[in-house]
């Protein structure tokens, strides 16, 4: 069993919202790649890291409007417990990436 991923909150808070979203996007990209290669451990790990990063963002005072983060967390959690669909992951990834530009 792998050690649970833990975000260092103080360091995380030094990142801009855009950088935080890029880190979360990178995990969703890893989940997509893992799904396409049939590696469920890789997918689950990427989802767990993404959720941890979202939780850290929710605890970051620079995020005044947290609605998008809660929606994103709900979507990733649903994928985590259900069947992975690369199309959904790509959609979420694209939405995050477009929001930060």
Protein backbone atom coordinates (compact mmCIF):
# COMPACT_ATOMS: atom_id res chain seq x y z
CA UNK A 1 0.00 0.00 0.00
CA UNK A 2 1.28 3.42 -0.95
CA UNK A 3 1.70 6.21 1.56
CA UNK A 4 -1.12 8.79 1.19
CA UNK A 5 -0.12 11.94 -0.66
CA UNK A 6 0.03 15.03 1.53
CA UNK A 7 0.30 18.58 0.25
CA UNK A 8 2.57 20.91 2.22
CA UNK A 9 0.02 23.64 2.90
CA UNK A 10 2.44 26.46 3.61
CA UNK A 11 4.34 25.87 0.36
CA UNK A 12 1.09 25.33 -1.59
CA UNK A 13 -0.19 28.73 -0.43
CA UNK A 14 2.85 30.40 -2.01
CA UNK A 15 1.69 29.26 -5.47
CA UNK A 16 -0.68 31.45 -7.47
CA UNK A 17 -4.13 30.08 -8.20
CA UNK A 18 -3.02 29.52 -11.79
CA UNK A 19 -0.04 27.41 -10.71
CA UNK A 20 -2.20 25.43 -8.30
CA UNK A 21 -4.63 24.65 -11.12
CA UNK A 22 -1.75 23.56 -13.34
CA UNK A 23 -0.62 21.07 -10.71
CA UNK A 24 -4.16 19.69 -10.43
CA UNK A 25 -4.40 19.56 -14.24
CA UNK A 26 -1.17 17.59 -14.39
CA UNK A 27 -2.67 14.94 -12.11
CA UNK A 28 -5.76 14.72 -14.31
CA UNK A 29 -3.51 14.30 -17.33
CA UNK A 30 -1.73 11.45 -15.50
CA UNK A 31 -5.12 9.89 -14.74
CA UNK A 32 -6.02 10.04 -18.43
CA UNK A 33 -2.75 8.41 -19.45
CA UNK A 34 -3.16 5.74 -16.80
CA UNK A 35 -6.70 5.04 -17.93
CA UNK A 36 -5.68 4.74 -21.56
CA UNK A 37 -2.95 2.28 -20.57
CA UNK A 38 -5.24 0.28 -18.27
CA UNK A 39 -3.19 1.08 -15.16
CA UNK A 40 -5.80 1.53 -12.43
CA UNK A 41 -3.21 2.06 -9.68
CA UNK A 42 -1.79 4.98 -11.64
CA UNK A 43 -5.29 6.40 -12.16
CA UNK A 44 -6.28 6.10 -8.50
CA UNK A 45 -3.01 7.67 -7.35
CA UNK A 46 -3.48 10.62 -9.71
CA UNK A 47 -7.06 11.16 -8.47
CA UNK A 48 -5.92 10.99 -4.84
CA UNK A 49 -3.19 13.56 -5.47
CA UNK A 50 -5.61 15.84 -7.35
CA UNK A 51 -8.14 15.68 -4.51
CA UNK A 52 -5.40 16.45 -1.96
CA UNK A 53 -4.33 19.44 -4.02
CA UNK A 54 -7.91 20.68 -4.32
CA UNK A 55 -8.33 20.33 -0.55
CA UNK A 56 -5.16 22.39 -0.08
CA UNK A 57 -6.53 25.04 -2.45
CA UNK A 58 -9.78 25.13 -0.48
CA UNK A 59 -7.69 25.89 2.63
CA UNK A 60 -5.75 28.64 0.83
CA UNK A 61 -7.09 32.12 1.70
CA UNK A 62 -6.37 33.49 -1.79
CA UNK A 63 -9.36 31.49 -3.11
CA UNK A 64 -12.34 33.71 -2.35
CA UNK A 65 -14.80 31.98 -4.69
CA UNK A 66 -14.48 28.27 -3.98
CA UNK A 67 -17.48 27.02 -5.96
CA UNK A 68 -15.40 25.81 -8.91
CA UNK A 69 -13.04 23.95 -6.58
CA UNK A 70 -15.94 22.18 -4.86
CA UNK A 71 -17.46 21.23 -8.23
CA UNK A 72 -14.10 19.97 -9.45
CA UNK A 73 -13.58 17.95 -6.27
CA UNK A 74 -17.03 16.38 -6.60
CA UNK A 75 -16.36 15.44 -10.24
CA UNK A 76 -12.98 13.88 -9.48
CA UNK A 77 -14.36 12.05 -6.45
CA UNK A 78 -17.13 10.61 -8.63
CA UNK A 79 -14.54 9.41 -11.13
CA UNK A 80 -12.44 8.00 -8.28
CA UNK A 81 -15.23 5.75 -7.02
CA UNK A 82 -16.73 4.92 -10.41
CA UNK A 83 -15.65 3.85 -13.82
CA UNK A 84 -13.01 6.05 -15.38
CA UNK A 85 -13.87 7.65 -18.68
CA UNK A 86 -10.97 9.44 -20.42
CA UNK A 87 -13.41 11.80 -22.17
CA UNK A 88 -14.64 13.15 -18.82
CA UNK A 89 -11.10 13.57 -17.52
CA UNK A 90 -10.05 15.42 -20.67
CA UNK A 91 -13.10 17.68 -20.35
CA UNK A 92 -12.27 18.57 -16.73
CA UNK A 93 -8.62 19.07 -17.62
CA UNK A 94 -9.57 21.41 -20.48
CA UNK A 95 -11.95 23.41 -18.28
CA UNK A 96 -9.27 23.95 -15.66
CA UNK A 97 -6.65 24.87 -18.22
CA UNK A 98 -8.95 27.34 -19.97
CA UNK A 99 -9.98 28.95 -16.67
CA UNK A 100 -6.40 29.78 -15.77
CA UNK A 101 -5.56 31.50 -19.06
